[in-house]
């Protein structure tokens, strides 16, 4: 019995699915199709100027601003979660391609100056 290309592909897909690799391969395919670029939007819904590092480049987003980002790298953002200028508490996230994020006051801590980045 000869195996056709379609049969071989279905067989391979079934094997990969059994190992839980289908989602990972789909994400890799999406990266390749998009040219490996990460695109997302970030808004600043706080009263603070927020300086952040996105894939090695510094940006400062003002209160009320919304920015669209396009990076050829991983979409790693680092920022200070304490809104005060004299206190630094760094946080880092790997942002997801195509998502919308917003800096907001963090109501889940006792510190009234805390901010965080939320997917909206």
PDB file of N, CA and C in Angstrom:
ATOM      1  N   UNK A   1       0.840  -1.179   0.000  1.00  0.00           N
ATOM      2  CA  UNK A   1       0.000   0.000   0.000  1.00  0.00           C
ATOM      3  C   UNK A   1       0.886   1.244   0.000  1.00  0.00           C
ATOM      4  N   UNK A   2       0.681   2.088  -0.970  1.00  0.00           N
ATOM      5  CA  UNK A   2       1.477   3.304  -1.085  1.00  0.00           C
ATOM      6  C   UNK A   2       0.870   4.390  -0.202  1.00  0.00           C
ATOM      7  N   UNK A   3       1.750   5.146   0.452  1.00  0.00           N
ATOM      8  CA  UNK A   3       1.295   6.234   1.313  1.00  0.00           C
ATOM      9  C   UNK A   3       1.366   7.526   0.509  1.00  0.00           C
ATOM     10  N   UNK A   4       0.246   8.226   0.421  1.00  0.00           N
ATOM     11  CA  UNK A   4       0.233   9.491  -0.300  1.00  0.00           C
ATOM     12  C   UNK A   4       0.787  10.593   0.589  1.00  0.00           C
ATOM     13  N   UNK A   5       1.073  11.717  -0.019  1.00  0.00           N
ATOM     14  CA  UNK A   5       1.579  12.862   0.739  1.00  0.00           C
ATOM     15  C   UNK A   5       0.549  13.301   1.775  1.00  0.00           C
ATOM     16  N   UNK A   6      -0.731  13.326   1.370  1.00  0.00           N
ATOM     17  CA  UNK A   6      -1.784  13.750   2.291  1.00  0.00           C
ATOM     18  C   UNK A   6      -1.880  12.805   3.487  1.00  0.00           C
ATOM     19  N   UNK A   7      -1.781  11.500   3.224  1.00  0.00           N
ATOM     20  CA  UNK A   7      -1.850  10.520   4.307  1.00  0.00           C
ATOM     21  C   UNK A   7      -0.671  10.690   5.256  1.00  0.00           C
ATOM     22  N   UNK A   8       0.504  10.917   4.702  1.00  0.00           N
ATOM     23  CA  UNK A   8       1.698  11.111   5.525  1.00  0.00           C
ATOM     24  C   UNK A   8       1.559  12.363   6.388  1.00  0.00           C
ATOM     25  N   UNK A   9       1.027  13.441   5.799  1.00  0.00           N
ATOM     26  CA  UNK A   9       0.855  14.681   6.563  1.00  0.00           C
ATOM     27  C   UNK A   9      -0.143  14.494   7.700  1.00  0.00           C
ATOM     28  N   UNK A  10      -1.256  13.804   7.417  1.00  0.00           N
ATOM     29  CA  UNK A  10      -2.245  13.543   8.464  1.00  0.00           C
ATOM     30  C   UNK A  10      -1.656  12.670   9.560  1.00  0.00           C
ATOM     31  N   UNK A  11      -0.871  11.681   9.174  1.00  0.00           N
ATOM     32  CA  UNK A  11      -0.226  10.803  10.144  1.00  0.00           C
ATOM     33  C   UNK A  11       0.737  11.602  11.025  1.00  0.00           C
ATOM     34  N   UNK A  12       1.551  12.451  10.403  1.00  0.00           N
ATOM     35  CA  UNK A  12       2.496  13.283  11.159  1.00  0.00           C
ATOM     36  C   UNK A  12       1.765  14.244  12.096  1.00  0.00           C
ATOM     37  N   UNK A  13       0.681  14.837  11.597  1.00  0.00           N
ATOM     38  CA  UNK A  13      -0.091  15.762  12.425  1.00  0.00           C
ATOM     39  C   UNK A  13      -0.682  15.032  13.630  1.00  0.00           C
ATOM     40  N   UNK A  14      -1.168  13.821  13.413  1.00  0.00           N
ATOM     41  CA  UNK A  14      -1.728  13.027  14.503  1.00  0.00           C
ATOM     42  C   UNK A  14      -0.667  12.719  15.555  1.00  0.00           C
ATOM     43  N   UNK A  15       0.529  12.363  15.111  1.00  0.00           N
ATOM     44  CA  UNK A  15       1.621  12.065  16.037  1.00  0.00           C
ATOM     45  C   UNK A  15       1.989  13.308  16.840  1.00  0.00           C
ATOM     46  N   UNK A  16       2.127  14.452  16.149  1.00  0.00           N
ATOM     47  CA  UNK A  16       2.463  15.699  16.836  1.00  0.00           C
ATOM     48  C   UNK A  16       1.380  16.088  17.839  1.00  0.00           C
ATOM     49  N   UNK A  17       0.125  15.911  17.434  1.00  0.00           N
ATOM     50  CA  UNK A  17      -0.983  16.249  18.325  1.00  0.00           C
ATOM     51  C   UNK A  17      -0.923  15.398  19.593  1.00  0.00           C
ATOM     52  N   UNK A  18      -0.591  14.127  19.432  1.00  0.00           N
ATOM     53  CA  UNK A  18      -0.487  13.239  20.591  1.00  0.00           C
ATOM     54  C   UNK A  18       0.613  13.687  21.544  1.00  0.00           C
ATOM     55  N   UNK A  19       1.639  14.311  21.031  1.00  0.00           N
ATOM     56  CA  UNK A  19       2.723  14.801  21.882  1.00  0.00           C
ATOM     57  C   UNK A  19       2.478  16.233  22.363  1.00  0.00           C
ATOM     58  N   UNK A  20       1.358  16.833  21.970  1.00  0.00           N
ATOM     59  CA  UNK A  20       1.032  18.183  22.412  1.00  0.00           C
ATOM     60  C   UNK A  20       1.856  19.259  21.729  1.00  0.00           C
ATOM     61  N   UNK A  21       2.342  18.984  20.533  1.00  0.00           N
ATOM     62  CA  UNK A  21       3.217  19.933  19.853  1.00  0.00           C
ATOM     63  C   UNK A  21       2.489  20.791  18.827  1.00  0.00           C
ATOM     64  N   UNK A  22       1.211  20.520  18.586  1.00  0.00           N
ATOM     65  CA  UNK A  22       0.491  21.236  17.537  1.00  0.00           C
ATOM     66  C   UNK A  22       0.404  22.721  17.841  1.00  0.00           C
ATOM     67  N   UNK A  23       0.047  23.096  19.082  1.00  0.00           N
ATOM     68  CA  UNK A  23      -0.069  24.519  19.422  1.00  0.00           C
ATOM     69  C   UNK A  23       1.255  25.239  19.259  1.00  0.00           C
ATOM     70  N   UNK A  24       2.337  24.604  19.703  1.00  0.00           N
ATOM     71  CA  UNK A  24       3.652  25.228  19.588  1.00  0.00           C
ATOM     72  C   UNK A  24       4.018  25.440  18.125  1.00  0.00           C
ATOM     73  N   UNK A  25       3.748  24.457  17.290  1.00  0.00           N
ATOM     74  CA  UNK A  25       4.057  24.585  15.864  1.00  0.00           C
ATOM     75  C   UNK A  25       3.182  25.651  15.234  1.00  0.00           C
ATOM     76  N   UNK A  26       1.897  25.731  15.631  1.00  0.00           N
ATOM     77  CA  UNK A  26       1.012  26.767  15.108  1.00  0.00           C
ATOM     78  C   UNK A  26       1.522  28.157  15.475  1.00  0.00           C
ATOM     79  N   UNK A  27       2.029  28.335  16.703  1.00  0.00           N
ATOM     80  CA  UNK A  27       2.584  29.624  17.115  1.00  0.00           C
ATOM     81  C   UNK A  27       3.831  29.959  16.307  1.00  0.00           C
ATOM     82  N   UNK A  28       4.663  28.951  16.064  1.00  0.00           N
ATOM     83  CA  UNK A  28       5.866  29.178  15.263  1.00  0.00           C
ATOM     84  C   UNK A  28       5.491  29.541  13.834  1.00  0.00           C
ATOM     85  N   UNK A  29       4.469  28.880  13.291  1.00  0.00           N
ATOM     86  CA  UNK A  29       4.020  29.192  11.932  1.00  0.00           C
ATOM     87  C   UNK A  29       3.498  30.622  11.863  1.00  0.00           C
ATOM     88  N   UNK A  30       2.766  31.048  12.886  1.00  0.00           N
ATOM     89  CA  UNK A  30       2.259  32.422  12.914  1.00  0.00           C
ATOM     90  C   UNK A  30       3.407  33.418  12.945  1.00  0.00           C
ATOM     91  N   UNK A  31       4.471  33.107  13.691  1.00  0.00           N
ATOM     92  CA  UNK A  31       5.655  33.972  13.723  1.00  0.00           C
ATOM     93  C   UNK A  31       6.267  34.091  12.335  1.00  0.00           C
ATOM     94  N   UNK A  32       6.386  32.965  11.651  1.00  0.00           N
ATOM     95  CA  UNK A  32       6.990  32.962  10.317  1.00  0.00           C
ATOM     96  C   UNK A  32       6.128  33.755   9.350  1.00  0.00           C
ATOM     97  N   UNK A  33       4.809  33.537   9.397  1.00  0.00           N
ATOM     98  CA  UNK A  33       3.897  34.232   8.489  1.00  0.00           C
ATOM     99  C   UNK A  33       3.943  35.734   8.728  1.00  0.00           C
ATOM    100  N   UNK A  34       4.016  36.148   9.989  1.00  0.00           N
ATOM    101  CA  UNK A  34       4.036  37.579  10.299  1.00  0.00           C
ATOM    102  C   UNK A  34       5.421  38.190  10.099  1.00  0.00           C
ATOM    103  N   UNK A  35       6.358  37.388   9.640  1.00  0.00           N
ATOM    104  CA  UNK A  35       7.710  37.889   9.444  1.00  0.00           C
ATOM    105  C   UNK A  35       8.484  37.961  10.737  1.00  0.00           C
ATOM    106  N   UNK A  36       7.989  37.309  11.785  1.00  0.00           N
ATOM    107  CA  UNK A  36       8.681  37.306  13.062  1.00  0.00           C
ATOM    108  C   UNK A  36       8.501  38.587  13.848  1.00  0.00           C
ATOM    109  N   UNK A  37       7.582  39.426  13.453  1.00  0.00           N
ATOM    110  CA  UNK A  37       7.366  40.702  14.123  1.00  0.00           C
ATOM    111  C   UNK A  37       6.269  40.563  15.172  1.00  0.00           C
ATOM    112  N   UNK A  38       6.380  41.359  16.207  1.00  0.00           N
ATOM    113  CA  UNK A  38       5.358  41.437  17.250  1.00  0.00           C
ATOM    114  C   UNK A  38       4.695  42.812  17.136  1.00  0.00           C
ATOM    115  N   UNK A  39       3.365  42.834  17.102  1.00  0.00           N
ATOM    116  CA  UNK A  39       2.616  44.089  17.017  1.00  0.00           C
ATOM    117  C   UNK A  39       1.570  44.094  18.120  1.00  0.00           C
ATOM    118  N   UNK A  40       1.497  45.201  18.839  1.00  0.00           N
ATOM    119  CA  UNK A  40       0.508  45.341  19.896  1.00  0.00           C
ATOM    120  C   UNK A  40       0.311  46.813  20.208  1.00  0.00           C
ATOM    121  N   UNK A  41      -0.724  47.100  20.981  1.00  0.00           N
ATOM    122  CA  UNK A  41      -1.075  48.473  21.372  1.00  0.00           C
ATOM    123  C   UNK A  41      -1.003  48.576  22.888  1.00  0.00           C
ATOM    124  N   UNK A  42      -0.462  49.719  23.354  1.00  0.00           N
ATOM    125  CA  UNK A  42      -0.390  49.973  24.793  1.00  0.00           C
ATOM    126  C   UNK A  42      -0.932  51.374  25.069  1.00  0.00           C
ATOM    127  N   UNK A  43      -1.839  51.462  26.038  1.00  0.00           N
ATOM    128  CA  UNK A  43      -2.389  52.743  26.482  1.00  0.00           C
ATOM    129  C   UNK A  43      -1.931  53.006  27.913  1.00  0.00           C
ATOM    130  N   UNK A  44      -1.841  54.286  28.258  1.00  0.00           N
ATOM    131  CA  UNK A  44      -1.485  54.672  29.625  1.00  0.00           C
ATOM    132  C   UNK A  44      -2.705  55.299  30.282  1.00  0.00           C
ATOM    133  N   UNK A  45      -3.348  54.541  31.158  1.00  0.00           N
ATOM    134  CA  UNK A  45      -4.535  55.011  31.861  1.00  0.00           C
ATOM    135  C   UNK A  45      -4.198  55.335  33.324  1.00  0.00           C
ATOM    136  N   UNK A  46      -3.009  55.903  33.543  1.00  0.00           N
ATOM    137  CA  UNK A  46      -2.585  56.313  34.885  1.00  0.00           C
ATOM    138  C   UNK A  46      -2.292  57.808  34.867  1.00  0.00           C
ATOM    139  N   UNK A  47      -1.923  58.338  36.015  1.00  0.00           N
ATOM    140  CA  UNK A  47      -1.525  59.745  36.103  1.00  0.00           C
ATOM    141  C   UNK A  47      -0.012  59.914  35.979  1.00  0.00           C
ATOM    142  N   UNK A  48       0.710  58.831  35.665  1.00  0.00           N
ATOM    143  CA  UNK A  48       2.172  58.850  35.634  1.00  0.00           C
ATOM    144  C   UNK A  48       2.727  58.771  34.213  1.00  0.00           C
ATOM    145  N   UNK A  49       3.875  59.440  34.005  1.00  0.00           N
ATOM    146  CA  UNK A  49       4.693  59.183  32.816  1.00  0.00           C
ATOM    147  C   UNK A  49       5.359  57.836  33.057  1.00  0.00           C
ATOM    148  N   UNK A  50       5.261  56.918  32.124  1.00  0.00           N
ATOM    149  CA  UNK A  50       5.810  55.580  32.345  1.00  0.00           C
ATOM    150  C   UNK A  50       6.916  55.318  31.333  1.00  0.00           C
ATOM    151  N   UNK A  51       8.143  55.300  31.847  1.00  0.00           N
ATOM    152  CA  UNK A  51       9.284  54.928  31.014  1.00  0.00           C
ATOM    153  C   UNK A  51       9.383  53.415  31.049  1.00  0.00           C
ATOM    154  N   UNK A  52       9.483  52.835  29.877  1.00  0.00           N
ATOM    155  CA  UNK A  52       9.544  51.384  29.776  1.00  0.00           C
ATOM    156  C   UNK A  52      10.551  50.978  28.714  1.00  0.00           C
ATOM    157  N   UNK A  53      11.068  49.788  28.875  1.00  0.00           N
ATOM    158  CA  UNK A  53      12.050  49.228  27.952  1.00  0.00           C
ATOM    159  C   UNK A  53      11.343  48.135  27.165  1.00  0.00           C
ATOM    160  N   UNK A  54      11.279  48.307  25.854  1.00  0.00           N
ATOM    161  CA  UNK A  54      10.672  47.298  24.993  1.00  0.00           C
ATOM    162  C   UNK A  54      11.746  46.746  24.078  1.00  0.00           C
ATOM    163  N   UNK A  55      12.119  45.511  24.324  1.00  0.00           N
ATOM    164  CA  UNK A  55      13.138  44.832  23.514  1.00  0.00           C
ATOM    165  C   UNK A  55      14.415  45.652  23.386  1.00  0.00           C
ATOM    166  N   UNK A  56      14.815  46.306  24.486  1.00  0.00           N
ATOM    167  CA  UNK A  56      16.083  47.022  24.509  1.00  0.00           C
ATOM    168  C   UNK A  56      16.009  48.490  24.143  1.00  0.00           C
ATOM    169  N   UNK A  57      14.825  49.002  23.827  1.00  0.00           N
ATOM    170  CA  UNK A  57      14.663  50.414  23.477  1.00  0.00           C
ATOM    171  C   UNK A  57      13.776  51.091  24.518  1.00  0.00           C
ATOM    172  N   UNK A  58      14.224  52.256  25.011  1.00  0.00           N
ATOM    173  CA  UNK A  58      13.454  52.994  26.016  1.00  0.00           C
ATOM    174  C   UNK A  58      12.402  53.885  25.367  1.00  0.00           C
ATOM    175  N   UNK A  59      11.212  53.900  25.969  1.00  0.00           N
ATOM    176  CA  UNK A  59      10.108  54.754  25.546  1.00  0.00           C
ATOM    177  C   UNK A  59       9.497  55.370  26.798  1.00  0.00           C
ATOM    178  N   UNK A  60       8.883  56.545  26.654  1.00  0.00           N
ATOM    179  CA  UNK A  60       8.116  57.142  27.746  1.00  0.00           C
ATOM    180  C   UNK A  60       6.734  57.471  27.219  1.00  0.00           C
ATOM    181  N   UNK A  61       5.728  56.838  27.809  1.00  0.00           N
ATOM    182  CA  UNK A  61       4.340  57.069  27.406  1.00  0.00           C
ATOM    183  C   UNK A  61       3.684  57.975  28.449  1.00  0.00           C
ATOM    184  N   UNK A  62       3.069  59.035  27.975  1.00  0.00           N
ATOM    185  CA  UNK A  62       2.438  60.031  28.842  1.00  0.00           C
ATOM    186  C   UNK A  62       1.032  59.574  29.251  1.00  0.00           C
ATOM    187  N   UNK A  63       0.506  60.113  30.358  1.00  0.00           N
ATOM    188  CA  UNK A  63      -0.871  59.786  30.747  1.00  0.00           C
ATOM    189  C   UNK A  63      -1.849  60.092  29.607  1.00  0.00           C
ATOM    190  N   UNK A  64      -2.749  59.162  29.348  1.00  0.00           N
ATOM    191  CA  UNK A  64      -3.757  59.347  28.305  1.00  0.00           C
ATOM    192  C   UNK A  64      -3.315  58.965  26.907  1.00  0.00           C
ATOM    193  N   UNK A  65      -2.043  58.696  26.705  1.00  0.00           N
ATOM    194  CA  UNK A  65      -1.559  58.331  25.371  1.00  0.00           C
ATOM    195  C   UNK A  65      -1.803  56.853  25.075  1.00  0.00           C
ATOM    196  N   UNK A  66      -1.915  56.558  23.774  1.00  0.00           N
ATOM    197  CA  UNK A  66      -1.998  55.184  23.280  1.00  0.00           C
ATOM    198  C   UNK A  66      -0.999  55.047  22.150  1.00  0.00           C
ATOM    199  N   UNK A  67      -0.166  54.018  22.224  1.00  0.00           N
ATOM    200  CA  UNK A  67       0.867  53.804  21.214  1.00  0.00           C
ATOM    201  C   UNK A  67       0.696  52.436  20.568  1.00  0.00           C
ATOM    202  N   UNK A  68       0.982  52.387  19.276  1.00  0.00           N
ATOM    203  CA  UNK A  68       1.062  51.120  18.552  1.00  0.00           C
ATOM    204  C   UNK A  68       2.528  50.770  18.387  1.00  0.00           C
ATOM    205  N   UNK A  69       2.883  49.558  18.764  1.00  0.00           N
ATOM    206  CA  UNK A  69       4.268  49.093  18.696  1.00  0.00           C
ATOM    207  C   UNK A  69       4.395  48.018  17.631  1.00  0.00           C
ATOM    208  N   UNK A  70       5.547  48.008  16.990  1.00  0.00           N
ATOM    209  CA  UNK A  70       5.892  46.999  15.991  1.00  0.00           C
ATOM    210  C   UNK A  70       7.368  46.682  16.199  1.00  0.00           C
ATOM    211  N   UNK A  71       7.667  45.489  16.682  1.00  0.00           N
ATOM    212  CA  UNK A  71       9.045  45.129  16.993  1.00  0.00           C
ATOM    213  C   UNK A  71       9.425  43.822  16.311  1.00  0.00           C
ATOM    214  N   UNK A  72      10.643  43.734  15.802  1.00  0.00           N
ATOM    215  CA  UNK A  72      11.092  42.481  15.189  1.00  0.00           C
ATOM    216  C   UNK A  72      11.604  41.480  16.219  1.00  0.00           C
ATOM    217  N   UNK A  73      11.504  41.821  17.488  1.00  0.00           N
ATOM    218  CA  UNK A  73      12.058  40.962  18.532  1.00  0.00           C
ATOM    219  C   UNK A  73      10.947  40.236  19.284  1.00  0.00           C
ATOM    220  N   UNK A  74      11.144  39.976  20.559  1.00  0.00           N
ATOM    221  CA  UNK A  74      10.244  39.101  21.315  1.00  0.00           C
ATOM    222  C   UNK A  74       9.062  39.795  21.977  1.00  0.00           C
ATOM    223  N   UNK A  75       9.056  41.109  22.034  1.00  0.00           N
ATOM    224  CA  UNK A  75       7.973  41.805  22.721  1.00  0.00           C
ATOM    225  C   UNK A  75       8.104  41.756  24.230  1.00  0.00           C
ATOM    226  N   UNK A  76       9.353  41.842  24.726  1.00  0.00           N
ATOM    227  CA  UNK A  76       9.603  41.835  26.166  1.00  0.00           C
ATOM    228  C   UNK A  76       9.577  43.280  26.669  1.00  0.00           C
ATOM    229  N   UNK A  77       8.674  43.557  27.602  1.00  0.00           N
ATOM    230  CA  UNK A  77       8.569  44.903  28.170  1.00  0.00           C
ATOM    231  C   UNK A  77       9.005  44.858  29.632  1.00  0.00           C
ATOM    232  N   UNK A  78       9.750  45.891  30.036  1.00  0.00           N
ATOM    233  CA  UNK A  78      10.176  46.054  31.426  1.00  0.00           C
ATOM    234  C   UNK A  78       9.815  47.473  31.846  1.00  0.00           C
ATOM    235  N   UNK A  79       9.283  47.601  33.056  1.00  0.00           N
ATOM    236  CA  UNK A  79       8.897  48.921  33.550  1.00  0.00           C
ATOM    237  C   UNK A  79       8.872  48.906  35.073  1.00  0.00           C
ATOM    238  N   UNK A  80       8.832  50.092  35.648  1.00  0.00           N
ATOM    239  CA  UNK A  80       8.788  50.283  37.100  1.00  0.00           C
ATOM    240  C   UNK A  80       7.329  50.290  37.541  1.00  0.00           C
ATOM    241  N   UNK A  81       6.952  49.369  38.433  1.00  0.00           N
ATOM    242  CA  UNK A  81       5.554  49.283  38.856  1.00  0.00           C
ATOM    243  C   UNK A  81       5.190  50.279  39.954  1.00  0.00           C
ATOM    244  N   UNK A  82       6.162  51.031  40.452  1.00  0.00           N
ATOM    245  CA  UNK A  82       5.889  52.052  41.465  1.00  0.00           C
ATOM    246  C   UNK A  82       5.920  53.415  40.781  1.00  0.00           C
ATOM    247  N   UNK A  83       4.821  54.147  40.849  1.00  0.00           N
ATOM    248  CA  UNK A  83       4.704  55.414  40.144  1.00  0.00           C
ATOM    249  C   UNK A  83       5.581  56.537  40.665  1.00  0.00           C
ATOM    250  N   UNK A  84       6.163  56.364  41.848  1.00  0.00           N
ATOM    251  CA  UNK A  84       7.005  57.424  42.412  1.00  0.00           C
ATOM    252  C   UNK A  84       8.369  57.427  41.736  1.00  0.00           C
ATOM    253  N   UNK A  85       8.918  58.626  41.528  1.00  0.00           N
ATOM    254  CA  UNK A  85      10.212  58.758  40.850  1.00  0.00           C
ATOM    255  C   UNK A  85      11.371  58.203  41.668  1.00  0.00           C
ATOM    256  N   UNK A  86      11.281  58.238  42.980  1.00  0.00           N
ATOM    257  CA  UNK A  86      12.418  57.856  43.825  1.00  0.00           C
ATOM    258  C   UNK A  86      12.377  56.385  44.276  1.00  0.00           C
ATOM    259  N   UNK A  87      11.385  55.620  43.817  1.00  0.00           N
ATOM    260  CA  UNK A  87      11.294  54.191  44.148  1.00  0.00           C
ATOM    261  C   UNK A  87      11.251  53.405  42.842  1.00  0.00           C
ATOM    262  N   UNK A  88      12.061  52.351  42.758  1.00  0.00           N
ATOM    263  CA  UNK A  88      12.088  51.528  41.550  1.00  0.00           C
ATOM    264  C   UNK A  88      11.826  50.071  41.908  1.00  0.00           C
ATOM    265  N   UNK A  89      10.771  49.524  41.313  1.00  0.00           N
ATOM    266  CA  UNK A  89      10.441  48.101  41.446  1.00  0.00           C
ATOM    267  C   UNK A  89      10.129  47.609  40.038  1.00  0.00           C
ATOM    268  N   UNK A  90      11.083  46.919  39.427  1.00  0.00           N
ATOM    269  CA  UNK A  90      10.932  46.532  38.027  1.00  0.00           C
ATOM    270  C   UNK A  90      10.062  45.298  37.843  1.00  0.00           C
ATOM    271  N   UNK A  91       9.319  45.305  36.749  1.00  0.00           N
ATOM    272  CA  UNK A  91       8.465  44.191  36.344  1.00  0.00           C
ATOM    273  C   UNK A  91       8.729  43.925  34.868  1.00  0.00           C
ATOM    274  N   UNK A  92       8.602  42.672  34.454  1.00  0.00           N
ATOM    275  CA  UNK A  92       8.852  42.301  33.067  1.00  0.00           C
ATOM    276  C   UNK A  92       7.755  41.359  32.590  1.00  0.00           C
ATOM    277  N   UNK A  93       7.300  41.570  31.350  1.00  0.00           N
ATOM    278  CA  UNK A  93       6.305  40.690  30.731  1.00  0.00           C
ATOM    279  C   UNK A  93       6.714  40.416  29.288  1.00  0.00           C
ATOM    280  N   UNK A  94       6.298  39.265  28.790  1.00  0.00           N
ATOM    281  CA  UNK A  94       6.436  38.939  27.371  1.00  0.00           C
ATOM    282  C   UNK A  94       5.071  39.188  26.743  1.00  0.00           C
ATOM    283  N   UNK A  95       4.951  40.257  25.956  1.00  0.00           N
ATOM    284  CA  UNK A  95       3.668  40.637  25.383  1.00  0.00           C
ATOM    285  C   UNK A  95       3.308  39.730  24.208  1.00  0.00           C
ATOM    286  N   UNK A  96       2.017  39.511  24.022  1.00  0.00           N
ATOM    287  CA  UNK A  96       1.528  38.638  22.957  1.00  0.00           C
ATOM    288  C   UNK A  96       1.189  39.443  21.718  1.00  0.00           C
ATOM    289  N   UNK A  97       1.557  38.917  20.576  1.00  0.00           N
ATOM    290  CA  UNK A  97       1.320  39.557  19.292  1.00  0.00           C
ATOM    291  C   UNK A  97      -0.178  39.813  19.081  1.00  0.00           C
ATOM    292  N   UNK A  98      -0.504  41.019  18.621  1.00  0.00           N
ATOM    293  CA  UNK A  98      -1.873  41.362  18.266  1.00  0.00           C
ATOM    294  C   UNK A  98      -2.765  41.757  19.431  1.00  0.00           C
ATOM    295  N   UNK A  99      -2.232  41.846  20.640  1.00  0.00           N
ATOM    296  CA  UNK A  99      -3.047  42.144  21.818  1.00  0.00           C
ATOM    297  C   UNK A  99      -3.034  43.638  22.147  1.00  0.00           C
ATOM    298  N   UNK A 100      -3.977  44.032  22.988  1.00  0.00           N
ATOM    299  CA  UNK A 100      -4.086  45.408  23.463  1.00  0.00           C
ATOM    300  C   UNK A 100      -3.844  45.393  24.968  1.00  0.00           C
ATOM    301  N   UNK A 101      -2.967  46.284  25.415  1.00  0.00           N
ATOM    302  CA  UNK A 101      -2.594  46.362  26.827  1.00  0.00           C
ATOM    303  C   UNK A 101      -2.827  47.774  27.333  1.00  0.00           C
ATOM    304  N   UNK A 102      -2.947  47.893  28.658  1.00  0.00           N
ATOM    305  CA  UNK A 102      -3.150  49.205  29.260  1.00  0.00           C
ATOM    306  C   UNK A 102      -2.441  49.268  30.608  1.00  0.00           C
ATOM    307  N   UNK A 103      -1.649  50.331  30.786  1.00  0.00           N
ATOM    308  CA  UNK A 103      -1.114  50.617  32.111  1.00  0.00           C
ATOM    309  C   UNK A 103      -2.269  51.167  32.938  1.00  0.00           C
ATOM    310  N   UNK A 104      -2.464  50.586  34.129  1.00  0.00           N
ATOM    311  CA  UNK A 104      -3.533  51.017  35.020  1.00  0.00           C
ATOM    312  C   UNK A 104      -3.003  51.054  36.448  1.00  0.00           C
ATOM    313  N   UNK A 105      -3.684  51.810  37.294  1.00  0.00           N
ATOM    314  CA  UNK A 105      -3.375  51.751  38.718  1.00  0.00           C
ATOM    315  C   UNK A 105      -3.679  50.339  39.208  1.00  0.00           C
ATOM    316  N   UNK A 106      -2.794  49.809  40.044  1.00  0.00           N
ATOM    317  CA  UNK A 106      -2.972  48.458  40.571  1.00  0.00           C
ATOM    318  C   UNK A 106      -3.760  48.538  41.873  1.00  0.00           C
ATOM    319  N   UNK A 107      -5.016  48.162  41.815  1.00  0.00           N
ATOM    320  CA  UNK A 107      -5.905  48.225  42.980  1.00  0.00           C
ATOM    321  C   UNK A 107      -5.759  46.999  43.885  1.00  0.00           C
ATOM    322  N   UNK A 108      -4.883  46.060  43.510  1.00  0.00           N
ATOM    323  CA  UNK A 108      -4.750  44.805  44.257  1.00  0.00           C
ATOM    324  C   UNK A 108      -3.632  44.843  45.293  1.00  0.00           C
ATOM    325  N   UNK A 109      -2.961  45.977  45.438  1.00  0.00           N
ATOM    326  CA  UNK A 109      -1.900  46.097  46.436  1.00  0.00           C
ATOM    327  C   UNK A 109      -2.261  47.215  47.412  1.00  0.00           C
ATOM    328  N   UNK A 110      -1.569  47.236  48.528  1.00  0.00           N
ATOM    329  CA  UNK A 110      -1.810  48.278  49.532  1.00  0.00           C
ATOM    330  C   UNK A 110      -1.125  49.595  49.169  1.00  0.00           C
ATOM    331  N   UNK A 111      -0.180  49.550  48.220  1.00  0.00           N
ATOM    332  CA  UNK A 111       0.563  50.747  47.835  1.00  0.00           C
ATOM    333  C   UNK A 111      -0.261  51.558  46.831  1.00  0.00           C
ATOM    334  N   UNK A 112      -0.665  52.779  47.170  1.00  0.00           N
ATOM    335  CA  UNK A 112      -1.490  53.572  46.254  1.00  0.00           C
ATOM    336  C   UNK A 112      -0.742  54.043  45.005  1.00  0.00           C
ATOM    337  N   UNK A 113       0.577  53.865  44.968  1.00  0.00           N
ATOM    338  CA  UNK A 113       1.373  54.302  43.822  1.00  0.00           C
ATOM    339  C   UNK A 113       1.632  53.174  42.825  1.00  0.00           C
ATOM    340  N   UNK A 114       1.198  51.967  43.140  1.00  0.00           N
ATOM    341  CA  UNK A 114       1.478  50.823  42.266  1.00  0.00           C
ATOM    342  C   UNK A 114       0.675  50.889  40.976  1.00  0.00           C
ATOM    343  N   UNK A 115       1.343  50.530  39.899  1.00  0.00           N
ATOM    344  CA  UNK A 115       0.711  50.405  38.587  1.00  0.00           C
ATOM    345  C   UNK A 115       1.055  49.023  38.046  1.00  0.00           C
ATOM    346  N   UNK A 116       0.344  48.609  37.006  1.00  0.00           N
ATOM    347  CA  UNK A 116       0.676  47.359  36.329  1.00  0.00           C
ATOM    348  C   UNK A 116       0.161  47.445  34.903  1.00  0.00           C
ATOM    349  N   UNK A 117       0.558  46.479  34.109  1.00  0.00           N
ATOM    350  CA  UNK A 117       0.152  46.407  32.709  1.00  0.00           C
ATOM    351  C   UNK A 117      -0.856  45.280  32.578  1.00  0.00           C
ATOM    352  N   UNK A 118      -2.034  45.602  32.055  1.00  0.00           N
ATOM    353  CA  UNK A 118      -3.120  44.626  31.944  1.00  0.00           C
ATOM    354  C   UNK A 118      -3.506  44.435  30.482  1.00  0.00           C
ATOM    355  N   UNK A 119      -3.855  43.211  30.136  1.00  0.00           N
ATOM    356  CA  UNK A 119      -4.405  42.951  28.809  1.00  0.00           C
ATOM    357  C   UNK A 119      -5.878  43.336  28.848  1.00  0.00           C
ATOM    358  N   UNK A 120      -6.322  44.131  27.880  1.00  0.00           N
ATOM    359  CA  UNK A 120      -7.726  44.584  27.859  1.00  0.00           C
ATOM    360  C   UNK A 120      -8.424  44.114  26.604  1.00  0.00           C
TER     361      UNK A 120
END
